[in-house]
Structures are given as C-alpha cells and as structure tokens.
Amino acid sequence: MAERSEQNIQLWQHQLYSAFCQLSSPEETQAFLSDLLSPREIEEFARRLEVARMLRAGSSYIEVSQTTGASSTTVSRVSKCLNGKTGGYRLVLERLDEARQ
C-alpha cells in the first residue's frame, strides 16, 4: 500500500490536474467526472460555478443563495475565492465567456 506522505499527495494532485488537461470536450469531461465523483459532488461543483458566475455578474448574496440553493457559507466562500489571488474562478469564467462568443 502506498505511503500517504505529503509528497505522494502532491504527486497525485498534479496527476489529477494533468488528467483534466487531457480532456478535449465537455462530453469527455462529463465522462471523467462521472467516474471520479458522485452525482451529488458534480452537482455541488456545478452549483459553485453558477454562484461564481452570478456574483461576477453583480447579483447579491441573497439572490445567489435563493436562486442556486447554496448556503450563505458557500456563497461567501466562493466570493472570497472569486476575489482572491488564485484566480481560478475568474480564469474559467472568462474562458467560458470567450467560448460563447
């Protein structure tokens, strides 16, 4: 059994990130996520992305929570990430906007 060291965990995480880069369509990503996550986990990830989209568009926390069903804690956490230095939500939302045009 593999040792669960921090080095192993970092390697596994990098492998996961690289796996997503190998996917070339929404259908491939759906197939991978369906194998990787439970339907509930996929729903939660999708909800968080919608929360980020709505916050970026200027919706209030209350409106976002009522529309998505996300808790106020989740809305707050997503807002913190959306406005944080990592920029993952911003990057994805910008790319989704570009893809729609």
C-alpha atoms as a PDB file:
ATOM      1  CA  MET A   1       0.000   0.000   0.000  1.00  0.00           C
ATOM      2  CA  ALA A   2       1.365   3.413  -0.967  1.00  0.00           C
ATOM      3  CA  GLU A   3       2.516   5.656   1.823  1.00  0.00           C
ATOM      4  CA  ARG A   4       0.265   8.663   2.261  1.00  0.00           C
ATOM      5  CA  SER A   5       3.035  11.206   2.531  1.00  0.00           C
ATOM      6  CA  GLU A   6       2.678  14.842   1.586  1.00  0.00           C
ATOM      7  CA  GLN A   7       4.936  14.178  -1.396  1.00  0.00           C
ATOM      8  CA  ASN A   8       2.633  11.413  -2.641  1.00  0.00           C
ATOM      9  CA  ILE A   9      -0.447  13.570  -2.187  1.00  0.00           C
ATOM     10  CA  GLN A  10       1.152  16.399  -4.163  1.00  0.00           C
ATOM     11  CA  LEU A  11       2.085  13.944  -6.918  1.00  0.00           C
ATOM     12  CA  TRP A  12      -1.484  12.591  -7.030  1.00  0.00           C
ATOM     13  CA  GLN A  13      -2.895  16.109  -7.163  1.00  0.00           C
ATOM     14  CA  HIS A  14      -0.590  17.039 -10.039  1.00  0.00           C
ATOM     15  CA  GLN A  15      -1.668  13.874 -11.833  1.00  0.00           C
ATOM     16  CA  LEU A  16      -5.307  14.881 -11.388  1.00  0.00           C
ATOM     17  CA  TYR A  17      -4.670  18.378 -12.726  1.00  0.00           C
ATOM     18  CA  SER A  18      -2.830  16.895 -15.703  1.00  0.00           C
ATOM     19  CA  ALA A  19      -5.700  14.464 -16.320  1.00  0.00           C
ATOM     20  CA  PHE A  20      -8.119  17.370 -16.786  1.00  0.00           C
ATOM     21  CA  CYS A  21      -5.749  18.878 -19.349  1.00  0.00           C
ATOM     22  CA  GLN A  22      -6.012  15.694 -21.414  1.00  0.00           C
ATOM     23  CA  LEU A  23      -9.753  16.154 -21.951  1.00  0.00           C
ATOM     24  CA  SER A  24     -10.814  17.950 -25.107  1.00  0.00           C
ATOM     25  CA  SER A  25     -14.590  18.266 -24.885  1.00  0.00           C
ATOM     26  CA  PRO A  26     -17.428  18.729 -22.409  1.00  0.00           C
ATOM     27  CA  GLU A  27     -18.503  15.150 -23.161  1.00  0.00           C
ATOM     28  CA  GLU A  28     -15.081  13.747 -22.241  1.00  0.00           C
ATOM     29  CA  THR A  29     -15.028  15.842 -19.092  1.00  0.00           C
ATOM     30  CA  GLN A  30     -18.517  14.641 -18.159  1.00  0.00           C
ATOM     31  CA  ALA A  31     -17.430  11.012 -18.595  1.00  0.00           C
ATOM     32  CA  PHE A  32     -14.342  11.549 -16.426  1.00  0.00           C
ATOM     33  CA  LEU A  33     -16.223  13.433 -13.719  1.00  0.00           C
ATOM     34  CA  SER A  34     -18.956  10.780 -13.694  1.00  0.00           C
ATOM     35  CA  ASP A  35     -16.304   8.162 -12.989  1.00  0.00           C
ATOM     36  CA  LEU A  36     -14.445  10.308 -10.486  1.00  0.00           C
ATOM     37  CA  LEU A  37     -17.244  11.914  -8.457  1.00  0.00           C
ATOM     38  CA  SER A  38     -20.697  11.104  -7.172  1.00  0.00           C
ATOM     39  CA  PRO A  39     -23.678  12.799  -8.839  1.00  0.00           C
ATOM     40  CA  ARG A  40     -24.073  14.923  -5.692  1.00  0.00           C
ATOM     41  CA  GLU A  41     -20.443  16.089  -5.845  1.00  0.00           C
ATOM     42  CA  ILE A  42     -20.820  17.052  -9.510  1.00  0.00           C
ATOM     43  CA  GLU A  43     -23.995  18.968  -8.627  1.00  0.00           C
ATOM     44  CA  GLU A  44     -22.157  20.836  -5.866  1.00  0.00           C
ATOM     45  CA  PHE A  45     -19.270  21.778  -8.160  1.00  0.00           C
ATOM     46  CA  ALA A  46     -21.721  22.972 -10.805  1.00  0.00           C
ATOM     47  CA  ARG A  47     -23.602  24.975  -8.162  1.00  0.00           C
ATOM     48  CA  ARG A  48     -20.389  26.670  -7.014  1.00  0.00           C
ATOM     49  CA  LEU A  49     -19.539  27.648 -10.571  1.00  0.00           C
ATOM     50  CA  GLU A  50     -23.017  29.158 -11.002  1.00  0.00           C
ATOM     51  CA  VAL A  51     -22.590  31.015  -7.703  1.00  0.00           C
ATOM     52  CA  ALA A  52     -19.326  32.456  -9.018  1.00  0.00           C
ATOM     53  CA  ARG A  53     -20.959  33.407 -12.333  1.00  0.00           C
ATOM     54  CA  MET A  54     -23.839  35.170 -10.592  1.00  0.00           C
ATOM     55  CA  LEU A  55     -21.556  37.009  -8.157  1.00  0.00           C
ATOM     56  CA  ARG A  56     -19.337  38.146 -11.011  1.00  0.00           C
ATOM     57  CA  ALA A  57     -22.448  39.450 -12.792  1.00  0.00           C
ATOM     58  CA  GLY A  58     -23.288  41.560  -9.720  1.00  0.00           C
ATOM     59  CA  SER A  59     -26.016  39.515  -8.050  1.00  0.00           C
ATOM     60  CA  SER A  60     -26.428  39.915  -4.303  1.00  0.00           C
ATOM     61  CA  TYR A  61     -25.546  37.136  -1.871  1.00  0.00           C
ATOM     62  CA  ILE A  62     -29.238  36.707  -1.052  1.00  0.00           C
ATOM     63  CA  GLU A  63     -30.260  36.468  -4.706  1.00  0.00           C
ATOM     64  CA  VAL A  64     -27.471  33.968  -5.399  1.00  0.00           C
ATOM     65  CA  SER A  65     -28.423  31.844  -2.408  1.00  0.00           C
ATOM     66  CA  GLN A  66     -32.124  31.860  -3.292  1.00  0.00           C
ATOM     67  CA  THR A  67     -31.522  31.082  -6.973  1.00  0.00           C
ATOM     68  CA  THR A  68     -28.916  28.341  -6.545  1.00  0.00           C
ATOM     69  CA  GLY A  69     -29.883  26.892  -3.180  1.00  0.00           C
ATOM     70  CA  ALA A  70     -26.312  27.406  -1.985  1.00  0.00           C
ATOM     71  CA  SER A  71     -25.831  28.171   1.678  1.00  0.00           C
ATOM     72  CA  SER A  72     -24.676  31.614   2.735  1.00  0.00           C
ATOM     73  CA  THR A  73     -21.388  29.986   3.806  1.00  0.00           C
ATOM     74  CA  THR A  74     -20.855  28.572   0.308  1.00  0.00           C
ATOM     75  CA  VAL A  75     -21.722  31.887  -1.346  1.00  0.00           C
ATOM     76  CA  SER A  76     -19.282  33.673   0.948  1.00  0.00           C
ATOM     77  CA  ARG A  77     -16.531  31.113   0.317  1.00  0.00           C
ATOM     78  CA  VAL A  78     -16.991  31.323  -3.458  1.00  0.00           C
ATOM     79  CA  SER A  79     -16.964  35.127  -3.277  1.00  0.00           C
ATOM     80  CA  LYS A  80     -13.708  35.033  -1.333  1.00  0.00           C
ATOM     81  CA  CYS A  81     -12.153  32.757  -3.971  1.00  0.00           C
ATOM     82  CA  LEU A  82     -13.608  34.768  -6.848  1.00  0.00           C
ATOM     83  CA  ASN A  83     -11.946  37.888  -5.483  1.00  0.00           C
ATOM     84  CA  GLY A  84      -8.803  36.144  -4.220  1.00  0.00           C
ATOM     85  CA  LYS A  85      -5.337  35.972  -5.683  1.00  0.00           C
ATOM     86  CA  THR A  86      -5.535  32.424  -7.078  1.00  0.00           C
ATOM     87  CA  GLY A  87      -7.948  33.473  -9.819  1.00  0.00           C
ATOM     88  CA  GLY A  88      -9.289  30.069 -10.827  1.00  0.00           C
ATOM     89  CA  TYR A  89     -12.924  31.089 -10.982  1.00  0.00           C
ATOM     90  CA  ARG A  90     -12.082  34.286 -12.869  1.00  0.00           C
ATOM     91  CA  LEU A  91      -9.990  32.381 -15.410  1.00  0.00           C
ATOM     92  CA  VAL A  92     -12.670  29.774 -16.062  1.00  0.00           C
ATOM     93  CA  LEU A  93     -15.488  32.305 -16.267  1.00  0.00           C
ATOM     94  CA  GLU A  94     -13.517  34.461 -18.707  1.00  0.00           C
ATOM     95  CA  ARG A  95     -12.803  31.444 -20.892  1.00  0.00           C
ATOM     96  CA  LEU A  96     -16.437  30.371 -20.806  1.00  0.00           C
ATOM     97  CA  ASP A  97     -17.427  33.893 -21.882  1.00  0.00           C
ATOM     98  CA  GLU A  98     -14.919  33.744 -24.748  1.00  0.00           C
ATOM     99  CA  ALA A  99     -16.215  30.342 -25.843  1.00  0.00           C
ATOM    100  CA  ARG A 100     -19.801  31.671 -26.009  1.00  0.00           C
ATOM    101  CA  GLN A 101     -18.805  34.477 -28.399  1.00  0.00           C
END
